[in-house]
Amino acid sequence: MTRIILFILLINSFAVLAANDDKVLFVLTSNSQLGDTGKTTGFYLSELTHPYYVIKDAGYDIDIVSIKGGMAPIDPNSINEGDKDNQRFLNDATLMRKVITTKKISDANYQDYQAIVFAGGHGTMWDFPNNKHVKSLIKNIYENNGIVASVCHGPSALVDVKLSNGKYIVDGKKIAVFTNIEERIAGLTNTVPFLLQSTLIEQGGIDESGMIPWTEHAVADQRLITGQNPQSAHKLGKLIVKELKKLN
């Protein structure tokens, strides 16, 4: 009987470890202010829902955190109920609860996750860069053979992130991010604290962003996955799943 109990405990332990190995962490902004314009922003809803449901439907467990914890602000301009994944979100009590009651990013342990995903939205430009917990999670998950992914303005999390070898994480890797042209079309070139595309190119990123604004473009290079804009979020999810399968 003792041997049977020990065997069951051992099997359960392996099951817990397997679940941890398959977990993905999404990070959302806590910033709801669009600079000093007086306008509201936050995370872009489809940049959460599109990759989230691709990854979830592939069988992976997902946790969600934000910079400050609590309710993560949704950019009101991104609430498109005609989008099937956004509509699914509005009927998904589990995901809605995760967004309303996010844990703080400081509470996340990199050892629990195979991948980290930074959803975009203009809010990220103010609270993703220079956040020490963002930098630590990216560095540690990546150097633990994990995946780092982001979409649109989400790659603002990659700014100034250095690996143990002293190189920027984007250095020598293909990237696709919200372009300077798209920022100009959005009318926010002089509002955002920096231009994301230019900054990551300066840090060694090999720009693979598409030339035509608002078209799907995402790229994976050495476990770094980036998507250019909201239209690229679904493809980002597919690339993440593809990379996760390589690790398992």
C-alpha atoms as a PDB file:
ATOM      1  CA  MET A   1       0.000   0.000   0.000  1.00  0.00           C
ATOM      2  CA  THR A   2       2.860   2.374   0.864  1.00  0.00           C
ATOM      3  CA  ARG A   3       4.460   1.765  -2.538  1.00  0.00           C
ATOM      4  CA  ILE A   4       1.149   2.494  -4.283  1.00  0.00           C
ATOM      5  CA  ILE A   5       0.740   5.787  -2.395  1.00  0.00           C
ATOM      6  CA  LEU A   6       4.310   6.819  -3.222  1.00  0.00           C
ATOM      7  CA  PHE A   7       3.728   5.936  -6.878  1.00  0.00           C
ATOM      8  CA  ILE A   8       0.567   8.072  -6.999  1.00  0.00           C
ATOM      9  CA  LEU A   9       2.376  10.994  -5.355  1.00  0.00           C
ATOM     10  CA  LEU A  10       5.200  10.670  -7.863  1.00  0.00           C
ATOM     11  CA  ILE A  11       2.788  10.662 -10.801  1.00  0.00           C
ATOM     12  CA  ASN A  12       1.029  13.743  -9.388  1.00  0.00           C
ATOM     13  CA  SER A  13       4.356  15.511  -9.010  1.00  0.00           C
ATOM     14  CA  PHE A  14       5.185  14.869 -12.651  1.00  0.00           C
ATOM     15  CA  ALA A  15       1.734  16.148 -13.640  1.00  0.00           C
ATOM     16  CA  VAL A  16       2.361  19.419 -11.780  1.00  0.00           C
ATOM     17  CA  LEU A  17       5.755  19.801 -13.411  1.00  0.00           C
ATOM     18  CA  ALA A  18       4.251  19.101 -16.831  1.00  0.00           C
ATOM     19  CA  ALA A  19       1.578  21.743 -16.263  1.00  0.00           C
ATOM     20  CA  ASN A  20       4.215  24.314 -15.279  1.00  0.00           C
ATOM     21  CA  ASP A  21       6.261  23.448 -18.377  1.00  0.00           C
ATOM     22  CA  ASP A  22       3.265  24.286 -20.566  1.00  0.00           C
ATOM     23  CA  LYS A  23       2.362  27.619 -18.972  1.00  0.00           C
ATOM     24  CA  VAL A  24       2.376  30.941 -20.771  1.00  0.00           C
ATOM     25  CA  LEU A  25       2.410  34.369 -19.127  1.00  0.00           C
ATOM     26  CA  PHE A  26       0.654  37.368 -20.691  1.00  0.00           C
ATOM     27  CA  VAL A  27       1.634  40.866 -19.522  1.00  0.00           C
ATOM     28  CA  LEU A  28      -0.710  43.860 -19.819  1.00  0.00           C
ATOM     29  CA  THR A  29      -0.130  47.555 -19.271  1.00  0.00           C
ATOM     30  CA  SER A  30      -1.542  49.323 -16.219  1.00  0.00           C
ATOM     31  CA  ASN A  31      -1.285  52.740 -17.845  1.00  0.00           C
ATOM     32  CA  SER A  32      -4.558  54.309 -18.963  1.00  0.00           C
ATOM     33  CA  GLN A  33      -3.245  57.775 -19.835  1.00  0.00           C
ATOM     34  CA  LEU A  34      -2.124  58.748 -23.328  1.00  0.00           C
ATOM     35  CA  GLY A  35       0.738  60.959 -22.265  1.00  0.00           C
ATOM     36  CA  ASP A  36      -0.455  64.439 -21.314  1.00  0.00           C
ATOM     37  CA  THR A  37      -3.223  64.568 -23.927  1.00  0.00           C
ATOM     38  CA  GLY A  38      -5.990  63.920 -21.397  1.00  0.00           C
ATOM     39  CA  LYS A  39      -7.129  60.971 -23.512  1.00  0.00           C
ATOM     40  CA  THR A  40      -7.422  57.405 -22.264  1.00  0.00           C
ATOM     41  CA  THR A  41      -5.561  54.374 -23.548  1.00  0.00           C
ATOM     42  CA  GLY A  42      -4.554  50.959 -22.225  1.00  0.00           C
ATOM     43  CA  PHE A  43      -3.965  47.583 -23.839  1.00  0.00           C
ATOM     44  CA  TYR A  44      -5.420  46.829 -27.269  1.00  0.00           C
ATOM     45  CA  LEU A  45      -8.077  44.172 -26.777  1.00  0.00           C
ATOM     46  CA  SER A  46      -7.451  42.075 -29.890  1.00  0.00           C
ATOM     47  CA  GLU A  47      -3.741  41.997 -29.082  1.00  0.00           C
ATOM     48  CA  LEU A  48      -4.711  39.989 -26.028  1.00  0.00           C
ATOM     49  CA  THR A  49      -7.650  37.976 -27.346  1.00  0.00           C
ATOM     50  CA  HIS A  50      -6.199  36.885 -30.700  1.00  0.00           C
ATOM     51  CA  PRO A  51      -2.998  35.231 -29.413  1.00  0.00           C
ATOM     52  CA  TYR A  52      -4.648  34.195 -26.136  1.00  0.00           C
ATOM     53  CA  TYR A  53      -7.289  32.038 -27.773  1.00  0.00           C
ATOM     54  CA  VAL A  54      -4.853  30.528 -30.291  1.00  0.00           C
ATOM     55  CA  ILE A  55      -2.596  29.474 -27.426  1.00  0.00           C
ATOM     56  CA  LYS A  56      -5.430  28.392 -25.138  1.00  0.00           C
ATOM     57  CA  ASP A  57      -7.103  26.326 -27.850  1.00  0.00           C
ATOM     58  CA  ALA A  58      -3.768  24.593 -28.443  1.00  0.00           C
ATOM     59  CA  GLY A  59      -3.951  23.306 -24.862  1.00  0.00           C
ATOM     60  CA  TYR A  60      -1.644  25.626 -22.951  1.00  0.00           C
ATOM     61  CA  ASP A  61      -2.359  27.135 -19.538  1.00  0.00           C
ATOM     62  CA  ILE A  62      -2.227  30.935 -19.393  1.00  0.00           C
ATOM     63  CA  ASP A  63      -1.712  33.395 -16.554  1.00  0.00           C
ATOM     64  CA  ILE A  64      -2.166  37.155 -16.883  1.00  0.00           C
ATOM     65  CA  VAL A  65      -0.345  39.871 -14.972  1.00  0.00           C
ATOM     66  CA  SER A  66      -0.121  43.642 -15.315  1.00  0.00           C
ATOM     67  CA  ILE A  67       2.463  46.144 -14.180  1.00  0.00           C
ATOM     68  CA  LYS A  68       0.545  47.247 -11.076  1.00  0.00           C
ATOM     69  CA  GLY A  69      -1.980  44.428 -10.723  1.00  0.00           C
ATOM     70  CA  GLY A  70      -5.738  44.797 -10.453  1.00  0.00           C
ATOM     71  CA  MET A  71      -7.915  45.765 -13.395  1.00  0.00           C
ATOM     72  CA  ALA A  72      -5.929  46.252 -16.593  1.00  0.00           C
ATOM     73  CA  PRO A  73      -7.287  49.159 -18.664  1.00  0.00           C
ATOM     74  CA  ILE A  74      -8.627  48.363 -22.123  1.00  0.00           C
ATOM     75  CA  ASP A  75      -8.098  50.987 -24.808  1.00  0.00           C
ATOM     76  CA  PRO A  76     -11.683  52.083 -25.556  1.00  0.00           C
ATOM     77  CA  ASN A  77     -10.811  52.407 -29.250  1.00  0.00           C
ATOM     78  CA  SER A  78     -10.022  48.690 -29.389  1.00  0.00           C
ATOM     79  CA  ILE A  79     -13.389  47.346 -28.239  1.00  0.00           C
ATOM     80  CA  ASN A  80     -14.628  46.026 -31.565  1.00  0.00           C
ATOM     81  CA  GLU A  81     -17.526  43.685 -30.874  1.00  0.00           C
ATOM     82  CA  GLY A  82     -17.526  42.645 -34.525  1.00  0.00           C
ATOM     83  CA  ASP A  83     -14.234  40.866 -33.897  1.00  0.00           C
ATOM     84  CA  LYS A  84     -15.048  37.215 -33.149  1.00  0.00           C
ATOM     85  CA  ASP A  85     -12.309  36.847 -30.521  1.00  0.00           C
ATOM     86  CA  ASN A  86     -13.345  40.064 -28.797  1.00  0.00           C
ATOM     87  CA  GLN A  87     -16.927  38.782 -28.805  1.00  0.00           C
ATOM     88  CA  ARG A  88     -15.669  35.531 -27.317  1.00  0.00           C
ATOM     89  CA  PHE A  89     -13.932  37.559 -24.600  1.00  0.00           C
ATOM     90  CA  LEU A  90     -17.157  39.361 -23.728  1.00  0.00           C
ATOM     91  CA  ASN A  91     -18.745  35.958 -23.108  1.00  0.00           C
ATOM     92  CA  ASP A  92     -15.718  34.433 -21.387  1.00  0.00           C
ATOM     93  CA  ALA A  93     -16.083  34.902 -17.632  1.00  0.00           C
ATOM     94  CA  THR A  94     -12.725  33.234 -16.971  1.00  0.00           C
ATOM     95  CA  LEU A  95     -10.668  35.534 -19.181  1.00  0.00           C
ATOM     96  CA  MET A  96     -12.643  38.592 -18.121  1.00  0.00           C
ATOM     97  CA  ARG A  97     -11.926  37.764 -14.486  1.00  0.00           C
ATOM     98  CA  LYS A  98      -8.221  37.387 -15.293  1.00  0.00           C
ATOM     99  CA  VAL A  99      -8.165  40.869 -16.850  1.00  0.00           C
ATOM    100  CA  ILE A 100     -10.109  42.487 -14.011  1.00  0.00           C
ATOM    101  CA  THR A 101      -8.053  40.834 -11.252  1.00  0.00           C
ATOM    102  CA  THR A 102      -4.545  40.655 -12.683  1.00  0.00           C
ATOM    103  CA  LYS A 103      -1.671  39.876 -10.371  1.00  0.00           C
ATOM    104  CA  LYS A 104       1.314  42.214 -10.190  1.00  0.00           C
ATOM    105  CA  ILE A 105       4.170  41.442 -12.543  1.00  0.00           C
ATOM    106  CA  SER A 106       6.475  41.492  -9.515  1.00  0.00           C
ATOM    107  CA  ASP A 107       4.726  38.332  -8.249  1.00  0.00           C
ATOM    108  CA  ALA A 108       5.523  36.291 -11.378  1.00  0.00           C
ATOM    109  CA  ASN A 109       8.250  33.628 -11.193  1.00  0.00           C
ATOM    110  CA  TYR A 110      10.076  33.085 -14.472  1.00  0.00           C
ATOM    111  CA  GLN A 111      10.625  29.407 -13.658  1.00  0.00           C
ATOM    112  CA  ASP A 112       6.878  28.784 -14.014  1.00  0.00           C
ATOM    113  CA  TYR A 113       6.676  29.758 -17.686  1.00  0.00           C
ATOM    114  CA  GLN A 114       7.864  28.577 -21.068  1.00  0.00           C
ATOM    115  CA  ALA A 115       6.792  31.777 -22.768  1.00  0.00           C
ATOM    116  CA  ILE A 116       6.009  35.386 -21.961  1.00  0.00           C
ATOM    117  CA  VAL A 117       3.765  37.507 -24.199  1.00  0.00           C
ATOM    118  CA  PHE A 118       3.477  41.294 -24.065  1.00  0.00           C
ATOM    119  CA  ALA A 119       0.169  42.541 -25.472  1.00  0.00           C
ATOM    120  CA  GLY A 120       0.323  45.934 -27.119  1.00  0.00           C
ATOM    121  CA  GLY A 121      -1.600  49.153 -26.885  1.00  0.00           C
ATOM    122  CA  HIS A 122      -0.239  52.677 -26.520  1.00  0.00           C
ATOM    123  CA  GLY A 123      -0.353  52.428 -22.731  1.00  0.00           C
ATOM    124  CA  THR A 124       2.646  50.095 -22.821  1.00  0.00           C
ATOM    125  CA  MET A 125       4.927  52.859 -24.081  1.00  0.00           C
ATOM    126  CA  TRP A 126       4.932  54.452 -20.636  1.00  0.00           C
ATOM    127  CA  ASP A 127       5.120  51.515 -18.237  1.00  0.00           C
ATOM    128  CA  PHE A 128       6.825  48.599 -20.053  1.00  0.00           C
ATOM    129  CA  PRO A 129      10.219  50.218 -20.781  1.00  0.00           C
ATOM    130  CA  ASN A 130      12.578  50.534 -17.813  1.00  0.00           C
ATOM    131  CA  ASN A 131      10.409  48.371 -15.553  1.00  0.00           C
ATOM    132  CA  LYS A 132      12.851  46.124 -13.709  1.00  0.00           C
ATOM    133  CA  HIS A 133      10.400  43.221 -13.434  1.00  0.00           C
ATOM    134  CA  VAL A 134       9.712  43.334 -17.171  1.00  0.00           C
ATOM    135  CA  LYS A 135      13.429  43.233 -17.888  1.00  0.00           C
ATOM    136  CA  SER A 136      14.109  40.459 -15.382  1.00  0.00           C
ATOM    137  CA  LEU A 137      11.336  38.201 -16.662  1.00  0.00           C
ATOM    138  CA  ILE A 138      12.361  38.666 -20.277  1.00  0.00           C
ATOM    139  CA  LYS A 139      16.015  37.944 -19.567  1.00  0.00           C
ATOM    140  CA  ASN A 140      15.413  34.960 -17.319  1.00  0.00           C
ATOM    141  CA  ILE A 141      12.704  33.284 -19.390  1.00  0.00           C
ATOM    142  CA  TYR A 142      14.736  33.734 -22.563  1.00  0.00           C
ATOM    143  CA  GLU A 143      17.951  32.448 -21.023  1.00  0.00           C
ATOM    144  CA  ASN A 144      16.009  29.521 -19.552  1.00  0.00           C
ATOM    145  CA  ASN A 145      15.316  28.408 -23.149  1.00  0.00           C
ATOM    146  CA  GLY A 146      11.900  30.072 -23.156  1.00  0.00           C
ATOM    147  CA  ILE A 147      10.053  32.229 -25.654  1.00  0.00           C
ATOM    148  CA  VAL A 148       9.635  36.011 -25.564  1.00  0.00           C
ATOM    149  CA  ALA A 149       6.803  37.404 -27.693  1.00  0.00           C
ATOM    150  CA  SER A 150       5.153  40.777 -28.181  1.00  0.00           C
ATOM    151  CA  VAL A 151       2.894  42.572 -30.615  1.00  0.00           C
ATOM    152  CA  CYS A 152       2.425  46.129 -31.895  1.00  0.00           C
ATOM    153  CA  HIS A 153       3.574  48.436 -29.040  1.00  0.00           C
ATOM    154  CA  GLY A 154       4.176  45.406 -26.813  1.00  0.00           C
ATOM    155  CA  PRO A 155       7.803  45.250 -28.025  1.00  0.00           C
ATOM    156  CA  SER A 156       8.360  48.403 -25.965  1.00  0.00           C
ATOM    157  CA  ALA A 157       9.078  45.805 -23.261  1.00  0.00           C
ATOM    158  CA  LEU A 158      12.195  44.808 -25.218  1.00  0.00           C
ATOM    159  CA  VAL A 159      13.750  48.268 -25.112  1.00  0.00           C
ATOM    160  CA  ASP A 160      17.085  48.287 -23.245  1.00  0.00           C
ATOM    161  CA  VAL A 161      16.792  44.599 -22.267  1.00  0.00           C
ATOM    162  CA  LYS A 162      20.245  43.050 -22.144  1.00  0.00           C
ATOM    163  CA  LEU A 163      21.185  39.393 -21.828  1.00  0.00           C
ATOM    164  CA  SER A 164      23.983  37.986 -19.697  1.00  0.00           C
ATOM    165  CA  ASN A 165      26.394  38.372 -22.625  1.00  0.00           C
ATOM    166  CA  GLY A 166      25.877  42.139 -22.476  1.00  0.00           C
ATOM    167  CA  LYS A 167      24.019  42.305 -25.798  1.00  0.00           C
ATOM    168  CA  TYR A 168      20.539  43.692 -26.306  1.00  0.00           C
ATOM    169  CA  ILE A 169      18.015  40.896 -26.720  1.00  0.00           C
ATOM    170  CA  VAL A 170      16.998  42.248 -30.152  1.00  0.00           C
ATOM    171  CA  ASP A 171      20.596  42.549 -31.371  1.00  0.00           C
ATOM    172  CA  GLY A 172      21.003  40.526 -34.553  1.00  0.00           C
ATOM    173  CA  LYS A 173      17.428  39.210 -34.527  1.00  0.00           C
ATOM    174  CA  LYS A 174      14.597  39.853 -36.972  1.00  0.00           C
ATOM    175  CA  ILE A 175      11.783  41.917 -35.495  1.00  0.00           C
ATOM    176  CA  ALA A 176       8.421  43.329 -36.614  1.00  0.00           C
ATOM    177  CA  VAL A 177       6.992  46.204 -34.574  1.00  0.00           C
ATOM    178  CA  PHE A 178       4.609  49.145 -34.845  1.00  0.00           C
ATOM    179  CA  THR A 179       6.291  51.306 -37.453  1.00  0.00           C
ATOM    180  CA  ASN A 180       7.147  54.993 -37.492  1.00  0.00           C
ATOM    181  CA  ILE A 181       4.776  55.371 -40.444  1.00  0.00           C
ATOM    182  CA  GLU A 182       1.916  53.743 -38.540  1.00  0.00           C
ATOM    183  CA  GLU A 183       2.616  56.010 -35.567  1.00  0.00           C
ATOM    184  CA  ARG A 184       2.467  59.032 -37.844  1.00  0.00           C
ATOM    185  CA  ILE A 185      -0.823  57.845 -39.364  1.00  0.00           C
ATOM    186  CA  ALA A 186      -2.182  57.414 -35.828  1.00  0.00           C
ATOM    187  CA  GLY A 187      -1.221  61.041 -35.194  1.00  0.00           C
ATOM    188  CA  LEU A 188       0.846  60.184 -32.116  1.00  0.00           C
ATOM    189  CA  THR A 189       4.441  60.698 -33.247  1.00  0.00           C
ATOM    190  CA  ASN A 190       4.817  63.681 -30.915  1.00  0.00           C
ATOM    191  CA  THR A 191       2.846  62.077 -28.093  1.00  0.00           C
ATOM    192  CA  VAL A 192       4.668  58.796 -27.500  1.00  0.00           C
ATOM    193  CA  PRO A 193       7.895  59.071 -25.461  1.00  0.00           C
ATOM    194  CA  PHE A 194       9.950  57.500 -28.265  1.00  0.00           C
ATOM    195  CA  LEU A 195       9.519  55.854 -31.654  1.00  0.00           C
ATOM    196  CA  LEU A 196       9.527  52.113 -31.095  1.00  0.00           C
ATOM    197  CA  GLN A 197      10.747  51.030 -34.520  1.00  0.00           C
ATOM    198  CA  SER A 198      13.680  53.450 -34.528  1.00  0.00           C
ATOM    199  CA  THR A 199      14.710  52.581 -30.966  1.00  0.00           C
ATOM    200  CA  LEU A 200      14.826  48.822 -31.495  1.00  0.00           C
ATOM    201  CA  ILE A 201      16.717  49.236 -34.776  1.00  0.00           C
ATOM    202  CA  GLU A 202      19.261  51.359 -32.895  1.00  0.00           C
ATOM    203  CA  GLN A 203      19.675  48.461 -30.447  1.00  0.00           C
ATOM    204  CA  GLY A 204      20.535  46.039 -33.228  1.00  0.00           C
ATOM    205  CA  GLY A 205      17.128  44.710 -34.254  1.00  0.00           C
ATOM    206  CA  ILE A 206      16.860  43.642 -37.900  1.00  0.00           C
ATOM    207  CA  ASP A 207      13.657  45.312 -39.003  1.00  0.00           C
ATOM    208  CA  GLU A 208      11.312  42.962 -40.857  1.00  0.00           C
ATOM    209  CA  SER A 209       8.205  45.119 -40.503  1.00  0.00           C
ATOM    210  CA  GLY A 210       5.994  45.238 -43.573  1.00  0.00           C
ATOM    211  CA  MET A 211       6.054  48.295 -45.782  1.00  0.00           C
ATOM    212  CA  ILE A 212       2.264  48.556 -46.026  1.00  0.00           C
ATOM    213  CA  PRO A 213       0.697  49.953 -42.831  1.00  0.00           C
ATOM    214  CA  TRP A 214      -1.976  47.955 -40.997  1.00  0.00           C
ATOM    215  CA  THR A 215      -1.217  44.655 -42.721  1.00  0.00           C
ATOM    216  CA  GLU A 216      -0.377  41.346 -41.044  1.00  0.00           C
ATOM    217  CA  HIS A 217       3.290  40.781 -40.379  1.00  0.00           C
ATOM    218  CA  ALA A 218       4.929  38.721 -37.628  1.00  0.00           C
ATOM    219  CA  VAL A 219       8.300  37.051 -37.387  1.00  0.00           C
ATOM    220  CA  ALA A 220      10.040  34.490 -35.171  1.00  0.00           C
ATOM    221  CA  ASP A 221      13.805  34.489 -34.758  1.00  0.00           C
ATOM    222  CA  GLN A 222      15.739  32.544 -32.096  1.00  0.00           C
ATOM    223  CA  ARG A 223      12.740  32.284 -29.731  1.00  0.00           C
ATOM    224  CA  LEU A 224      11.997  36.011 -30.066  1.00  0.00           C
ATOM    225  CA  ILE A 225       8.594  36.528 -31.708  1.00  0.00           C
ATOM    226  CA  THR A 226       7.222  39.917 -32.679  1.00  0.00           C
ATOM    227  CA  GLY A 227       4.160  41.202 -34.527  1.00  0.00           C
ATOM    228  CA  GLN A 228       3.812  44.570 -36.199  1.00  0.00           C
ATOM    229  CA  ASN A 229       0.272  45.732 -35.421  1.00  0.00           C
ATOM    230  CA  PRO A 230      -3.210  44.578 -34.328  1.00  0.00           C
ATOM    231  CA  GLN A 231      -3.629  42.771 -37.644  1.00  0.00           C
ATOM    232  CA  SER A 232      -0.625  40.594 -36.737  1.00  0.00           C
ATOM    233  CA  ALA A 233      -1.835  39.370 -33.347  1.00  0.00           C
ATOM    234  CA  HIS A 234      -3.447  36.150 -34.590  1.00  0.00           C
ATOM    235  CA  LYS A 235      -0.333  35.157 -36.529  1.00  0.00           C
ATOM    236  CA  LEU A 236       1.747  35.956 -33.456  1.00  0.00           C
ATOM    237  CA  GLY A 237      -0.291  33.377 -31.522  1.00  0.00           C
ATOM    238  CA  LYS A 238       0.312  30.758 -34.206  1.00  0.00           C
ATOM    239  CA  LEU A 239       4.056  31.393 -34.180  1.00  0.00           C
ATOM    240  CA  ILE A 240       4.128  31.117 -30.381  1.00  0.00           C
ATOM    241  CA  VAL A 241       2.387  27.724 -30.500  1.00  0.00           C
ATOM    242  CA  LYS A 242       4.768  26.557 -33.212  1.00  0.00           C
ATOM    243  CA  GLU A 243       7.771  27.522 -31.094  1.00  0.00           C
ATOM    244  CA  LEU A 244       6.275  25.985 -27.944  1.00  0.00           C
ATOM    245  CA  LYS A 245       5.860  22.665 -29.728  1.00  0.00           C
ATOM    246  CA  LYS A 246       9.557  22.706 -30.590  1.00  0.00           C
ATOM    247  CA  LEU A 247      10.384  22.942 -26.889  1.00  0.00           C
ATOM    248  CA  ASN A 248       8.182  20.019 -25.825  1.00  0.00           C
END
